[in-house]
Structures are given as structure tokens and as C-alpha cells.
Amino acid sequence: MSAYKCEVCGMSVGTMTCGTCGKELVHSTITTEEGETIHVSECPDGHGKIKSPMCCGQDMTCSV
């Protein structure tokens, strides 16, 4: 998985894994009903997804 990085302070988050199968989460996006794009990390086997990490009060970005 590509690392998430804070654009404010430079802190980064590396590999995250699924608690069910242990596979590395992959970066993806979802779109809300209002049309907003939200960055998420999801299990490649469909066990779920989580919102991207936050740092300095904002979503961390991921360059895929």
C-alpha cells in the first residue's frame, strides 16, 4: 500500500492490514451523495474499509 502523508507536518503512515485476513489494505476512494470524494483504505478480499488517516486536523493524502 502506498503511504499516506500529512501535507502539513510530513508525518506518514505505512502498511495497514486487515484484521480478518491479514492482507495489506489498498487505497481507494468513495463518493458521497453530495459528490464529495473521500479517501479510504480497503481490504482486497472485501472484509471492509476505513476512512483515510488524519493528521493536523485534515485527511492525509496518498499518491497512487
N, C-alpha and C. Protein backbone atom coordinates (compact mmCIF):
# COMPACT_ATOMS: atom_id res chain seq x y z
N MET A 1 0.84 -1.19 0.00
CA MET A 1 0.00 0.00 0.00
C MET A 1 0.88 1.24 0.00
N SER A 2 0.50 2.21 -0.77
CA SER A 2 1.22 3.48 -0.75
C SER A 2 1.01 4.16 0.59
N ALA A 3 2.00 4.85 1.05
CA ALA A 3 1.92 5.53 2.35
C ALA A 3 1.04 6.76 2.27
N TYR A 4 0.29 7.00 3.34
CA TYR A 4 -0.45 8.25 3.49
C TYR A 4 0.51 9.25 4.11
N LYS A 5 0.45 10.52 3.66
CA LYS A 5 1.35 11.54 4.16
C LYS A 5 0.58 12.80 4.51
N CYS A 6 0.95 13.42 5.63
CA CYS A 6 0.36 14.69 6.04
C CYS A 6 1.03 15.81 5.26
N GLU A 7 0.23 16.62 4.59
CA GLU A 7 0.77 17.73 3.80
C GLU A 7 1.22 18.89 4.69
N VAL A 8 0.82 18.89 5.99
CA VAL A 8 1.19 19.97 6.90
C VAL A 8 2.53 19.70 7.57
N CYS A 9 2.66 18.53 8.24
CA CYS A 9 3.86 18.26 9.02
C CYS A 9 4.78 17.20 8.42
N GLY A 10 4.31 16.48 7.40
CA GLY A 10 5.14 15.48 6.75
C GLY A 10 5.09 14.09 7.37
N MET A 11 4.34 13.92 8.47
CA MET A 11 4.21 12.59 9.09
C MET A 11 3.58 11.64 8.09
N SER A 12 4.00 10.36 8.10
CA SER A 12 3.41 9.40 7.17
C SER A 12 3.01 8.12 7.90
N VAL A 13 2.08 7.40 7.28
CA VAL A 13 1.59 6.12 7.79
C VAL A 13 1.90 5.07 6.73
N GLY A 14 2.50 3.97 7.13
CA GLY A 14 2.86 2.93 6.19
C GLY A 14 1.79 1.86 6.08
N THR A 15 2.20 0.63 6.05
CA THR A 15 1.34 -0.52 5.81
C THR A 15 0.26 -0.68 6.89
N MET A 16 -0.97 -0.90 6.44
CA MET A 16 -2.08 -1.26 7.32
C MET A 16 -2.63 -2.58 6.81
N THR A 17 -3.04 -3.46 7.71
CA THR A 17 -3.54 -4.77 7.30
C THR A 17 -4.94 -5.02 7.83
N CYS A 18 -5.66 -5.91 7.16
CA CYS A 18 -7.00 -6.33 7.55
C CYS A 18 -6.89 -7.23 8.79
N GLY A 19 -7.71 -6.96 9.79
CA GLY A 19 -7.71 -7.77 11.00
C GLY A 19 -8.32 -9.15 10.79
N THR A 20 -9.07 -9.34 9.72
CA THR A 20 -9.70 -10.63 9.44
C THR A 20 -8.78 -11.58 8.69
N CYS A 21 -8.20 -11.10 7.59
CA CYS A 21 -7.39 -11.98 6.75
C CYS A 21 -5.90 -11.67 6.77
N GLY A 22 -5.52 -10.50 7.31
CA GLY A 22 -4.11 -10.14 7.38
C GLY A 22 -3.53 -9.53 6.12
N LYS A 23 -4.34 -9.39 5.07
CA LYS A 23 -3.83 -8.80 3.82
C LYS A 23 -3.67 -7.29 3.95
N GLU A 24 -2.72 -6.76 3.19
CA GLU A 24 -2.46 -5.34 3.19
C GLU A 24 -3.65 -4.59 2.58
N LEU A 25 -4.09 -3.51 3.24
CA LEU A 25 -5.18 -2.69 2.72
C LEU A 25 -4.70 -1.91 1.50
N VAL A 26 -5.61 -1.66 0.58
CA VAL A 26 -5.29 -0.92 -0.63
C VAL A 26 -6.04 0.41 -0.65
N HIS A 27 -5.43 1.42 -1.26
CA HIS A 27 -6.04 2.74 -1.33
C HIS A 27 -7.19 2.74 -2.33
N SER A 28 -8.25 3.45 -1.97
CA SER A 28 -9.41 3.59 -2.85
C SER A 28 -10.11 4.90 -2.49
N THR A 29 -11.17 5.22 -3.19
CA THR A 29 -12.00 6.38 -2.86
C THR A 29 -13.47 5.98 -2.93
N ILE A 30 -14.28 6.71 -2.20
CA ILE A 30 -15.73 6.59 -2.31
C ILE A 30 -16.28 7.99 -2.54
N THR A 31 -17.47 8.07 -3.13
CA THR A 31 -18.11 9.35 -3.37
C THR A 31 -19.41 9.41 -2.60
N THR A 32 -19.59 10.49 -1.82
CA THR A 32 -20.80 10.66 -1.02
C THR A 32 -21.96 11.08 -1.93
N GLU A 33 -23.16 11.07 -1.38
CA GLU A 33 -24.34 11.50 -2.12
C GLU A 33 -24.22 12.96 -2.55
N GLU A 34 -23.43 13.75 -1.79
CA GLU A 34 -23.24 15.17 -2.11
C GLU A 34 -22.15 15.36 -3.16
N GLY A 35 -21.50 14.28 -3.60
CA GLY A 35 -20.48 14.37 -4.63
C GLY A 35 -19.06 14.53 -4.10
N GLU A 36 -18.88 14.50 -2.78
CA GLU A 36 -17.55 14.64 -2.18
C GLU A 36 -16.78 13.33 -2.30
N THR A 37 -15.51 13.40 -2.68
CA THR A 37 -14.66 12.23 -2.77
C THR A 37 -13.93 12.05 -1.45
N ILE A 38 -13.99 10.83 -0.90
CA ILE A 38 -13.34 10.52 0.37
C ILE A 38 -12.35 9.39 0.14
N HIS A 39 -11.12 9.59 0.64
CA HIS A 39 -10.08 8.58 0.52
C HIS A 39 -10.29 7.51 1.59
N VAL A 40 -10.16 6.24 1.20
CA VAL A 40 -10.32 5.12 2.12
C VAL A 40 -9.24 4.07 1.85
N SER A 41 -9.04 3.20 2.82
CA SER A 41 -8.21 2.01 2.66
C SER A 41 -9.14 0.82 2.81
N GLU A 42 -9.05 -0.14 1.88
CA GLU A 42 -9.98 -1.26 1.95
C GLU A 42 -9.28 -2.60 1.78
N CYS A 43 -9.91 -3.64 2.34
CA CYS A 43 -9.40 -5.00 2.23
C CYS A 43 -9.62 -5.49 0.80
N PRO A 44 -8.59 -6.06 0.17
CA PRO A 44 -8.76 -6.55 -1.20
C PRO A 44 -9.71 -7.74 -1.30
N ASP A 45 -10.00 -8.39 -0.15
CA ASP A 45 -10.94 -9.52 -0.14
C ASP A 45 -12.34 -9.12 0.30
N GLY A 46 -12.59 -7.80 0.42
CA GLY A 46 -13.93 -7.32 0.71
C GLY A 46 -14.37 -7.39 2.17
N HIS A 47 -13.42 -7.46 3.10
CA HIS A 47 -13.78 -7.53 4.52
C HIS A 47 -14.15 -6.17 5.11
N GLY A 48 -14.01 -5.10 4.36
CA GLY A 48 -14.39 -3.78 4.85
C GLY A 48 -13.43 -2.70 4.40
N LYS A 49 -13.73 -1.48 4.85
CA LYS A 49 -12.90 -0.33 4.50
C LYS A 49 -12.93 0.66 5.65
N ILE A 50 -11.88 1.48 5.72
CA ILE A 50 -11.79 2.53 6.72
C ILE A 50 -11.46 3.84 6.04
N LYS A 51 -11.87 4.94 6.66
CA LYS A 51 -11.53 6.26 6.15
C LYS A 51 -10.03 6.45 6.26
N SER A 52 -9.47 7.28 5.40
CA SER A 52 -8.03 7.54 5.44
C SER A 52 -7.64 8.15 6.78
N PRO A 53 -6.39 7.96 7.19
CA PRO A 53 -5.92 8.55 8.44
C PRO A 53 -5.97 10.08 8.40
N MET A 54 -6.00 10.69 9.58
CA MET A 54 -5.98 12.15 9.70
C MET A 54 -4.76 12.57 10.50
N CYS A 55 -4.26 13.77 10.21
CA CYS A 55 -3.15 14.35 10.95
C CYS A 55 -3.30 15.87 10.83
N CYS A 56 -2.95 16.59 11.86
CA CYS A 56 -3.01 18.06 11.85
C CYS A 56 -4.41 18.55 11.46
N GLY A 57 -5.45 17.78 11.81
CA GLY A 57 -6.83 18.19 11.56
C GLY A 57 -7.31 18.02 10.14
N GLN A 58 -6.58 17.29 9.29
CA GLN A 58 -7.02 17.09 7.92
C GLN A 58 -6.70 15.68 7.46
N ASP A 59 -7.39 15.24 6.40
CA ASP A 59 -7.10 13.92 5.83
C ASP A 59 -5.68 13.88 5.30
N MET A 60 -5.01 12.76 5.55
CA MET A 60 -3.69 12.56 4.96
C MET A 60 -3.90 12.14 3.52
N THR A 61 -2.97 12.45 2.63
CA THR A 61 -3.11 12.14 1.22
C THR A 61 -2.28 10.90 0.86
N CYS A 62 -2.67 10.27 -0.22
CA CYS A 62 -1.98 9.07 -0.70
C CYS A 62 -1.77 9.23 -2.19
N SER A 63 -0.53 9.17 -2.61
CA SER A 63 -0.25 9.25 -4.05
C SER A 63 -0.22 7.84 -4.62
N VAL A 64 -1.22 7.52 -5.40
CA VAL A 64 -1.34 6.19 -6.00
C VAL A 64 -0.97 6.26 -7.45
